[in-house]
Amino acid sequence: EVQLIIVNTCTVTGEAEKKTRKAVRHALRANESATVVVTGCAAAIDASLYEEMSPRVRIVAKGDLMQKVAASQQRLERLRVGDSFPT
């Protein structure tokens, strides 16, 4: 089951912003338990708009998101079959 959905937002045009809001709503409906991370320029400009959609929405600055994804990938690459997980 999906635990995290990332929506990269855009505000280049009014239509792009509308599609962005629709994508976040769709993500929230698609999985009732997943956290929806909203990033990108629309999230930076109007974070409260997205935060008010659901308590499952988290706003993450795009630069921070890329660092977190890279760090997670490095941790995953270090784990091999048979390795024990750190506690």
N, C-alpha and C. Protein backbone atom coordinates (compact mmCIF):
# COMPACT_ATOMS: atom_id res chain seq x y z
N GLU A 1 0.84 -1.18 0.00
CA GLU A 1 0.00 0.00 0.00
C GLU A 1 0.89 1.25 0.00
N VAL A 2 0.48 2.22 -0.76
CA VAL A 2 1.23 3.48 -0.88
C VAL A 2 1.14 4.25 0.43
N GLN A 3 2.28 4.74 0.90
CA GLN A 3 2.31 5.52 2.13
C GLN A 3 2.59 6.99 1.88
N LEU A 4 3.12 7.30 0.70
CA LEU A 4 3.52 8.67 0.41
C LEU A 4 3.25 8.98 -1.06
N ILE A 5 2.59 10.10 -1.31
CA ILE A 5 2.34 10.57 -2.67
C ILE A 5 2.93 11.97 -2.76
N ILE A 6 3.74 12.22 -3.80
CA ILE A 6 4.36 13.53 -3.98
C ILE A 6 3.72 14.21 -5.18
N VAL A 7 3.25 15.44 -4.98
CA VAL A 7 2.68 16.24 -6.06
C VAL A 7 3.56 17.48 -6.22
N ASN A 8 4.20 17.58 -7.39
CA ASN A 8 5.02 18.74 -7.70
C ASN A 8 4.12 19.77 -8.38
N THR A 9 3.99 20.95 -7.79
CA THR A 9 3.00 21.92 -8.24
C THR A 9 3.57 22.97 -9.18
N CYS A 10 2.65 23.68 -9.85
CA CYS A 10 3.03 24.71 -10.80
C CYS A 10 2.01 25.85 -10.76
N THR A 11 2.48 27.06 -10.98
CA THR A 11 1.57 28.21 -11.06
C THR A 11 1.85 29.07 -12.30
N VAL A 12 2.41 28.47 -13.33
CA VAL A 12 2.76 29.23 -14.53
C VAL A 12 1.51 29.89 -15.13
N THR A 13 0.41 29.15 -15.15
CA THR A 13 -0.86 29.70 -15.66
C THR A 13 -1.97 29.36 -14.67
N GLY A 14 -3.09 30.03 -14.81
CA GLY A 14 -4.25 29.72 -13.98
C GLY A 14 -4.70 28.29 -14.19
N GLU A 15 -4.61 27.81 -15.43
CA GLU A 15 -5.00 26.42 -15.73
C GLU A 15 -4.07 25.43 -15.04
N ALA A 16 -2.78 25.72 -15.03
CA ALA A 16 -1.81 24.85 -14.36
C ALA A 16 -2.11 24.78 -12.87
N GLU A 17 -2.43 25.91 -12.28
CA GLU A 17 -2.75 25.94 -10.85
C GLU A 17 -4.01 25.14 -10.56
N LYS A 18 -5.00 25.25 -11.43
CA LYS A 18 -6.24 24.49 -11.27
C LYS A 18 -5.96 22.99 -11.33
N LYS A 19 -5.13 22.58 -12.29
CA LYS A 19 -4.77 21.16 -12.42
C LYS A 19 -3.99 20.68 -11.20
N THR A 20 -3.19 21.56 -10.64
CA THR A 20 -2.42 21.22 -9.45
C THR A 20 -3.35 20.92 -8.28
N ARG A 21 -4.32 21.78 -8.05
CA ARG A 21 -5.28 21.54 -6.96
C ARG A 21 -6.05 20.24 -7.19
N LYS A 22 -6.42 20.01 -8.44
CA LYS A 22 -7.14 18.78 -8.78
C LYS A 22 -6.26 17.55 -8.51
N ALA A 23 -4.98 17.63 -8.84
CA ALA A 23 -4.07 16.51 -8.61
C ALA A 23 -3.93 16.20 -7.12
N VAL A 24 -3.88 17.23 -6.30
CA VAL A 24 -3.78 17.02 -4.84
C VAL A 24 -5.06 16.37 -4.33
N ARG A 25 -6.21 16.86 -4.76
CA ARG A 25 -7.49 16.25 -4.33
C ARG A 25 -7.57 14.80 -4.78
N HIS A 26 -7.14 14.53 -6.00
CA HIS A 26 -7.15 13.15 -6.51
C HIS A 26 -6.23 12.26 -5.67
N ALA A 27 -5.06 12.75 -5.35
CA ALA A 27 -4.12 11.97 -4.53
C ALA A 27 -4.72 11.66 -3.16
N LEU A 28 -5.40 12.61 -2.58
CA LEU A 28 -6.03 12.39 -1.27
C LEU A 28 -7.12 11.33 -1.36
N ARG A 29 -7.88 11.33 -2.44
CA ARG A 29 -8.95 10.34 -2.61
C ARG A 29 -8.40 8.98 -3.00
N ALA A 30 -7.31 8.96 -3.75
CA ALA A 30 -6.76 7.71 -4.28
C ALA A 30 -6.29 6.77 -3.18
N ASN A 31 -5.82 7.33 -2.10
CA ASN A 31 -5.35 6.51 -0.99
C ASN A 31 -5.69 7.24 0.30
N GLU A 32 -6.61 6.69 1.04
CA GLU A 32 -7.17 7.36 2.22
C GLU A 32 -6.20 7.44 3.40
N SER A 33 -5.07 6.73 3.33
CA SER A 33 -4.15 6.77 4.46
C SER A 33 -2.79 7.38 4.11
N ALA A 34 -2.51 7.59 2.83
CA ALA A 34 -1.20 8.10 2.42
C ALA A 34 -1.04 9.58 2.80
N THR A 35 0.19 9.93 3.13
CA THR A 35 0.56 11.33 3.29
C THR A 35 0.79 11.90 1.90
N VAL A 36 0.28 13.10 1.64
CA VAL A 36 0.47 13.75 0.35
C VAL A 36 1.42 14.92 0.55
N VAL A 37 2.60 14.80 -0.04
CA VAL A 37 3.61 15.85 0.04
C VAL A 37 3.40 16.77 -1.17
N VAL A 38 3.20 18.04 -0.89
CA VAL A 38 3.00 19.03 -1.95
C VAL A 38 4.25 19.90 -1.98
N THR A 39 4.85 20.00 -3.16
CA THR A 39 6.08 20.75 -3.32
C THR A 39 5.98 21.60 -4.59
N GLY A 40 6.94 22.44 -4.84
CA GLY A 40 6.94 23.25 -6.05
C GLY A 40 6.47 24.67 -5.80
N CYS A 41 6.35 25.42 -6.90
CA CYS A 41 6.08 26.86 -6.77
C CYS A 41 4.70 27.18 -6.21
N ALA A 42 3.67 26.42 -6.57
CA ALA A 42 2.33 26.70 -6.03
C ALA A 42 2.30 26.48 -4.53
N ALA A 43 2.96 25.44 -4.07
CA ALA A 43 3.03 25.17 -2.63
C ALA A 43 3.78 26.27 -1.90
N ALA A 44 4.82 26.80 -2.54
CA ALA A 44 5.60 27.87 -1.92
C ALA A 44 4.82 29.17 -1.85
N ILE A 45 4.01 29.44 -2.87
CA ILE A 45 3.26 30.69 -2.93
C ILE A 45 2.06 30.68 -1.99
N ASP A 46 1.35 29.54 -1.92
CA ASP A 46 0.12 29.49 -1.11
C ASP A 46 0.03 28.16 -0.36
N ALA A 47 0.94 27.94 0.56
CA ALA A 47 0.98 26.68 1.32
C ALA A 47 -0.32 26.42 2.05
N SER A 48 -0.92 27.45 2.62
CA SER A 48 -2.13 27.25 3.42
C SER A 48 -3.28 26.69 2.59
N LEU A 49 -3.35 27.04 1.32
CA LEU A 49 -4.40 26.51 0.45
C LEU A 49 -4.36 24.98 0.44
N TYR A 50 -3.18 24.43 0.33
CA TYR A 50 -3.02 22.98 0.28
C TYR A 50 -3.12 22.35 1.66
N GLU A 51 -2.57 22.99 2.66
CA GLU A 51 -2.64 22.47 4.03
C GLU A 51 -4.09 22.36 4.50
N GLU A 52 -4.94 23.27 4.06
CA GLU A 52 -6.34 23.26 4.47
C GLU A 52 -7.14 22.15 3.79
N MET A 53 -6.59 21.52 2.77
CA MET A 53 -7.30 20.44 2.07
C MET A 53 -7.44 19.20 2.94
N SER A 54 -6.42 18.94 3.77
CA SER A 54 -6.44 17.72 4.59
C SER A 54 -5.29 17.77 5.59
N PRO A 55 -5.50 17.15 6.75
CA PRO A 55 -4.38 17.04 7.70
C PRO A 55 -3.28 16.11 7.19
N ARG A 56 -3.55 15.37 6.13
CA ARG A 56 -2.53 14.47 5.56
C ARG A 56 -1.61 15.18 4.58
N VAL A 57 -1.88 16.44 4.27
CA VAL A 57 -1.03 17.21 3.34
C VAL A 57 0.14 17.80 4.10
N ARG A 58 1.33 17.62 3.54
CA ARG A 58 2.55 18.22 4.08
C ARG A 58 3.19 19.05 2.98
N ILE A 59 3.60 20.26 3.32
CA ILE A 59 4.28 21.14 2.37
C ILE A 59 5.78 20.99 2.60
N VAL A 60 6.51 20.71 1.53
CA VAL A 60 7.96 20.56 1.62
C VAL A 60 8.58 21.39 0.49
N ALA A 61 9.52 22.24 0.85
CA ALA A 61 10.22 23.03 -0.17
C ALA A 61 10.93 22.08 -1.12
N LYS A 62 10.93 22.42 -2.40
CA LYS A 62 11.48 21.52 -3.41
C LYS A 62 12.93 21.15 -3.13
N GLY A 63 13.75 22.11 -2.72
CA GLY A 63 15.15 21.80 -2.40
C GLY A 63 15.26 20.82 -1.25
N ASP A 64 14.44 21.00 -0.22
CA ASP A 64 14.43 20.08 0.91
C ASP A 64 13.98 18.69 0.48
N LEU A 65 12.99 18.64 -0.41
CA LEU A 65 12.48 17.35 -0.88
C LEU A 65 13.57 16.58 -1.60
N MET A 66 14.29 17.25 -2.48
CA MET A 66 15.35 16.57 -3.23
C MET A 66 16.43 16.03 -2.30
N GLN A 67 16.78 16.80 -1.27
CA GLN A 67 17.77 16.33 -0.29
C GLN A 67 17.26 15.11 0.46
N LYS A 68 15.99 15.13 0.85
CA LYS A 68 15.42 14.01 1.60
C LYS A 68 15.33 12.75 0.73
N VAL A 69 14.96 12.91 -0.53
CA VAL A 69 14.89 11.77 -1.44
C VAL A 69 16.29 11.20 -1.65
N ALA A 70 17.27 12.05 -1.87
CA ALA A 70 18.65 11.58 -2.06
C ALA A 70 19.15 10.85 -0.83
N ALA A 71 18.88 11.38 0.35
CA ALA A 71 19.31 10.72 1.59
C ALA A 71 18.62 9.37 1.76
N SER A 72 17.34 9.29 1.44
CA SER A 72 16.61 8.03 1.53
C SER A 72 17.18 7.02 0.55
N GLN A 73 17.48 7.46 -0.67
CA GLN A 73 18.04 6.58 -1.68
C GLN A 73 19.39 6.03 -1.22
N GLN A 74 20.22 6.86 -0.62
CA GLN A 74 21.52 6.40 -0.13
C GLN A 74 21.35 5.36 0.95
N ARG A 75 20.39 5.57 1.86
CA ARG A 75 20.14 4.58 2.91
C ARG A 75 19.67 3.26 2.31
N LEU A 76 18.80 3.33 1.30
CA LEU A 76 18.30 2.11 0.67
C LEU A 76 19.41 1.37 -0.05
N GLU A 77 20.31 2.10 -0.70
CA GLU A 77 21.40 1.46 -1.43
C GLU A 77 22.36 0.74 -0.49
N ARG A 78 22.46 1.18 0.75
CA ARG A 78 23.36 0.53 1.70
C ARG A 78 22.77 -0.77 2.25
N LEU A 79 21.45 -0.92 2.16
CA LEU A 79 20.81 -2.13 2.66
C LEU A 79 20.87 -3.21 1.59
N ARG A 80 21.25 -4.39 1.96
CA ARG A 80 21.32 -5.52 1.05
C ARG A 80 20.50 -6.66 1.64
N VAL A 81 20.13 -7.61 0.80
CA VAL A 81 19.39 -8.76 1.27
C VAL A 81 20.17 -9.43 2.38
N GLY A 82 19.51 -9.71 3.47
CA GLY A 82 20.16 -10.34 4.61
C GLY A 82 20.66 -9.35 5.64
N ASP A 83 20.75 -8.07 5.27
CA ASP A 83 21.17 -7.05 6.23
C ASP A 83 20.07 -6.86 7.27
N SER A 84 20.48 -6.54 8.46
CA SER A 84 19.49 -6.20 9.48
C SER A 84 19.23 -4.70 9.41
N PHE A 85 18.03 -4.32 9.76
CA PHE A 85 17.67 -2.92 9.75
C PHE A 85 18.16 -2.26 11.03
N PRO A 86 18.64 -1.02 10.94
CA PRO A 86 19.07 -0.31 12.15
C PRO A 86 17.88 -0.06 13.06
N THR A 87 18.13 -0.15 14.35
CA THR A 87 17.04 0.11 15.31
C THR A 87 17.38 1.29 16.17
